[in-house]
């Protein structure tokens, strides 16, 4: 699933692909916003993105990742 994160006072957004469930990500975002804690997400390559909860502008959750067509390296 594609996740777009907007940070307050920064023009560029963070975009990452994640294998996490959209409901689980939505719960993490809600917790970070309500408690003012950090938002910690892991992308599909295992990299961790950490964002302070107070700096979040918006989080856009895309649909589940569609199956790719054609030849793809796994």
N, C-alpha and C. Protein backbone atom coordinates (compact mmCIF):
# COMPACT_ATOMS: atom_id res chain seq x y z
N UNK A 1 0.84 -1.16 0.00
CA UNK A 1 0.00 0.00 0.00
C UNK A 1 0.90 1.24 0.00
N UNK A 2 0.47 2.24 -0.74
CA UNK A 2 1.22 3.50 -0.79
C UNK A 2 0.74 4.41 0.33
N UNK A 3 1.70 5.01 1.03
CA UNK A 3 1.40 5.93 2.12
C UNK A 3 2.08 7.26 1.79
N UNK A 4 1.30 8.34 1.80
CA UNK A 4 1.84 9.69 1.60
C UNK A 4 1.69 10.44 2.90
N UNK A 5 2.78 11.06 3.35
CA UNK A 5 2.79 11.78 4.62
C UNK A 5 3.22 13.22 4.36
N UNK A 6 2.37 14.15 4.76
CA UNK A 6 2.69 15.56 4.68
C UNK A 6 3.17 16.06 6.03
N UNK A 7 4.26 16.81 6.02
CA UNK A 7 4.83 17.37 7.24
C UNK A 7 4.53 18.87 7.26
N UNK A 8 4.16 19.38 8.42
CA UNK A 8 3.86 20.80 8.55
C UNK A 8 5.07 21.64 8.17
N UNK A 9 4.82 22.72 7.44
CA UNK A 9 5.84 23.70 7.02
C UNK A 9 6.91 23.13 6.11
N UNK A 10 6.64 21.98 5.47
CA UNK A 10 7.57 21.39 4.49
C UNK A 10 6.78 21.10 3.23
N UNK A 11 7.25 21.60 2.09
CA UNK A 11 6.51 21.48 0.85
C UNK A 11 6.50 20.06 0.28
N UNK A 12 7.55 19.31 0.51
CA UNK A 12 7.66 17.98 -0.07
C UNK A 12 7.07 16.93 0.87
N UNK A 13 6.31 15.98 0.29
CA UNK A 13 5.73 14.93 1.10
C UNK A 13 6.61 13.68 1.09
N UNK A 14 6.43 12.83 2.08
CA UNK A 14 7.14 11.55 2.16
C UNK A 14 6.22 10.50 1.56
N UNK A 15 6.73 9.70 0.63
CA UNK A 15 5.95 8.65 0.00
C UNK A 15 6.68 7.33 0.22
N UNK A 16 5.95 6.33 0.73
CA UNK A 16 6.57 5.02 0.91
C UNK A 16 5.58 3.92 0.62
N UNK A 17 6.09 2.78 0.19
CA UNK A 17 5.29 1.58 -0.02
C UNK A 17 5.46 0.70 1.21
N UNK A 18 4.36 0.22 1.75
CA UNK A 18 4.41 -0.58 2.96
C UNK A 18 3.55 -1.82 2.81
N UNK A 19 3.97 -2.88 3.49
CA UNK A 19 3.20 -4.12 3.52
C UNK A 19 2.22 -4.14 4.70
N UNK A 20 2.23 -3.09 5.51
CA UNK A 20 1.36 -3.02 6.68
C UNK A 20 -0.09 -2.85 6.25
N UNK A 21 -1.01 -3.36 7.06
CA UNK A 21 -2.44 -3.25 6.83
C UNK A 21 -2.88 -1.79 7.01
N UNK A 22 -3.81 -1.32 6.18
CA UNK A 22 -4.25 0.08 6.25
C UNK A 22 -4.91 0.40 7.59
N UNK A 23 -5.63 -0.54 8.17
CA UNK A 23 -6.25 -0.29 9.48
C UNK A 23 -5.19 -0.15 10.57
N UNK A 24 -4.13 -0.95 10.50
CA UNK A 24 -3.05 -0.86 11.48
C UNK A 24 -2.32 0.48 11.36
N UNK A 25 -2.10 0.93 10.12
CA UNK A 25 -1.43 2.22 9.91
C UNK A 25 -2.32 3.36 10.41
N UNK A 26 -3.62 3.28 10.16
CA UNK A 26 -4.54 4.31 10.63
C UNK A 26 -4.54 4.39 12.15
N UNK A 27 -4.46 3.25 12.83
CA UNK A 27 -4.39 3.25 14.29
C UNK A 27 -3.09 3.88 14.79
N UNK A 28 -1.97 3.59 14.11
CA UNK A 28 -0.68 4.19 14.49
C UNK A 28 -0.73 5.71 14.33
N UNK A 29 -1.34 6.17 13.23
CA UNK A 29 -1.44 7.61 12.97
C UNK A 29 -2.31 8.27 14.04
N UNK A 30 -3.44 7.66 14.35
CA UNK A 30 -4.34 8.21 15.38
C UNK A 30 -3.65 8.30 16.73
N UNK A 31 -2.90 7.26 17.09
CA UNK A 31 -2.19 7.26 18.36
C UNK A 31 -1.12 8.34 18.39
N UNK A 32 -0.40 8.52 17.28
CA UNK A 32 0.65 9.55 17.23
C UNK A 32 0.05 10.95 17.35
N UNK A 33 -1.10 11.16 16.73
CA UNK A 33 -1.73 12.48 16.79
C UNK A 33 -2.33 12.77 18.16
N UNK A 34 -2.98 11.78 18.75
CA UNK A 34 -3.64 12.02 20.04
C UNK A 34 -2.65 12.13 21.20
N UNK A 35 -1.58 11.36 21.16
CA UNK A 35 -0.61 11.36 22.26
C UNK A 35 0.57 12.30 22.01
N UNK A 36 0.71 12.76 20.75
CA UNK A 36 1.86 13.60 20.42
C UNK A 36 3.16 12.80 20.35
N UNK A 37 3.03 11.49 20.21
CA UNK A 37 4.22 10.64 20.12
C UNK A 37 4.67 10.52 18.67
N UNK A 38 5.72 9.78 18.44
CA UNK A 38 6.25 9.62 17.09
C UNK A 38 5.41 8.63 16.29
N UNK A 39 5.41 8.82 14.98
CA UNK A 39 4.81 7.87 14.05
C UNK A 39 5.96 7.07 13.46
N UNK A 40 5.92 5.78 13.63
CA UNK A 40 7.00 4.90 13.18
C UNK A 40 6.41 3.89 12.20
N UNK A 41 6.82 3.98 10.92
CA UNK A 41 6.34 3.09 9.88
C UNK A 41 7.51 2.37 9.22
N UNK A 42 7.26 1.16 8.74
CA UNK A 42 8.27 0.36 8.06
C UNK A 42 7.86 0.17 6.62
N UNK A 43 8.77 0.44 5.67
CA UNK A 43 8.43 0.25 4.26
C UNK A 43 8.68 -1.20 3.86
N UNK A 44 8.39 -1.52 2.61
CA UNK A 44 8.47 -2.91 2.17
C UNK A 44 9.91 -3.43 2.06
N UNK A 45 10.90 -2.55 2.12
CA UNK A 45 12.31 -2.97 2.11
C UNK A 45 12.89 -3.07 3.51
N UNK A 46 12.06 -2.82 4.53
CA UNK A 46 12.51 -2.92 5.91
C UNK A 46 13.05 -1.65 6.51
N UNK A 47 13.04 -0.55 5.76
CA UNK A 47 13.50 0.74 6.29
C UNK A 47 12.44 1.33 7.20
N UNK A 48 12.86 2.00 8.26
CA UNK A 48 11.95 2.58 9.23
C UNK A 48 11.92 4.10 9.05
N UNK A 49 10.72 4.66 8.99
CA UNK A 49 10.52 6.10 8.89
C UNK A 49 9.91 6.55 10.21
N UNK A 50 10.55 7.53 10.87
CA UNK A 50 10.07 8.04 12.15
C UNK A 50 9.76 9.52 12.00
N UNK A 51 8.53 9.90 12.35
CA UNK A 51 8.08 11.28 12.23
C UNK A 51 7.46 11.71 13.55
N UNK A 52 7.84 12.87 14.08
CA UNK A 52 7.20 13.35 15.31
C UNK A 52 5.71 13.58 15.08
N UNK A 53 4.86 13.10 15.99
CA UNK A 53 3.41 13.22 15.84
C UNK A 53 2.93 14.65 15.73
N UNK A 54 3.61 15.58 16.41
CA UNK A 54 3.21 16.98 16.37
C UNK A 54 3.52 17.66 15.05
N UNK A 55 4.35 17.04 14.21
CA UNK A 55 4.74 17.64 12.93
C UNK A 55 3.89 17.14 11.77
N UNK A 56 2.99 16.18 12.03
CA UNK A 56 2.19 15.62 10.95
C UNK A 56 1.20 16.65 10.42
N UNK A 57 1.16 16.79 9.09
CA UNK A 57 0.17 17.63 8.45
C UNK A 57 -1.00 16.79 7.97
N UNK A 58 -0.69 15.70 7.27
CA UNK A 58 -1.71 14.76 6.81
C UNK A 58 -1.06 13.42 6.49
N UNK A 59 -1.87 12.38 6.46
CA UNK A 59 -1.43 11.05 6.06
C UNK A 59 -2.48 10.51 5.11
N UNK A 60 -2.05 10.14 3.91
CA UNK A 60 -2.96 9.60 2.90
C UNK A 60 -2.62 8.13 2.70
N UNK A 61 -3.59 7.28 2.92
CA UNK A 61 -3.41 5.84 2.75
C UNK A 61 -4.00 5.42 1.42
N UNK A 62 -3.14 4.82 0.55
CA UNK A 62 -3.61 4.34 -0.74
C UNK A 62 -4.25 2.98 -0.60
N UNK A 63 -4.80 2.50 -1.69
CA UNK A 63 -5.41 1.18 -1.69
C UNK A 63 -4.36 0.10 -1.52
N UNK A 64 -4.83 -1.10 -1.29
CA UNK A 64 -3.90 -2.22 -1.17
C UNK A 64 -3.15 -2.38 -2.48
N UNK A 65 -1.94 -2.86 -2.41
CA UNK A 65 -1.08 -3.00 -3.57
C UNK A 65 -1.66 -4.01 -4.55
N UNK A 66 -1.83 -3.58 -5.78
CA UNK A 66 -2.36 -4.47 -6.81
C UNK A 66 -1.27 -5.41 -7.32
N UNK A 67 -1.68 -6.56 -7.78
CA UNK A 67 -0.74 -7.53 -8.31
C UNK A 67 -0.15 -6.98 -9.60
N UNK A 68 1.18 -7.03 -9.73
CA UNK A 68 1.81 -6.49 -10.92
C UNK A 68 1.65 -7.46 -12.09
N UNK A 69 1.63 -6.89 -13.29
CA UNK A 69 1.47 -7.68 -14.49
C UNK A 69 2.77 -7.65 -15.27
N UNK A 70 3.14 -8.78 -15.83
CA UNK A 70 4.35 -8.83 -16.65
C UNK A 70 5.49 -9.46 -15.87
N UNK A 71 6.68 -9.24 -16.36
CA UNK A 71 7.87 -9.81 -15.73
C UNK A 71 8.37 -8.86 -14.67
N UNK A 72 8.51 -9.36 -13.48
CA UNK A 72 8.98 -8.53 -12.38
C UNK A 72 10.04 -9.30 -11.60
N UNK A 73 11.07 -8.61 -11.19
CA UNK A 73 12.10 -9.22 -10.34
C UNK A 73 11.60 -9.26 -8.93
N UNK A 74 11.68 -10.38 -8.30
CA UNK A 74 11.22 -10.51 -6.92
C UNK A 74 12.33 -10.39 -5.96
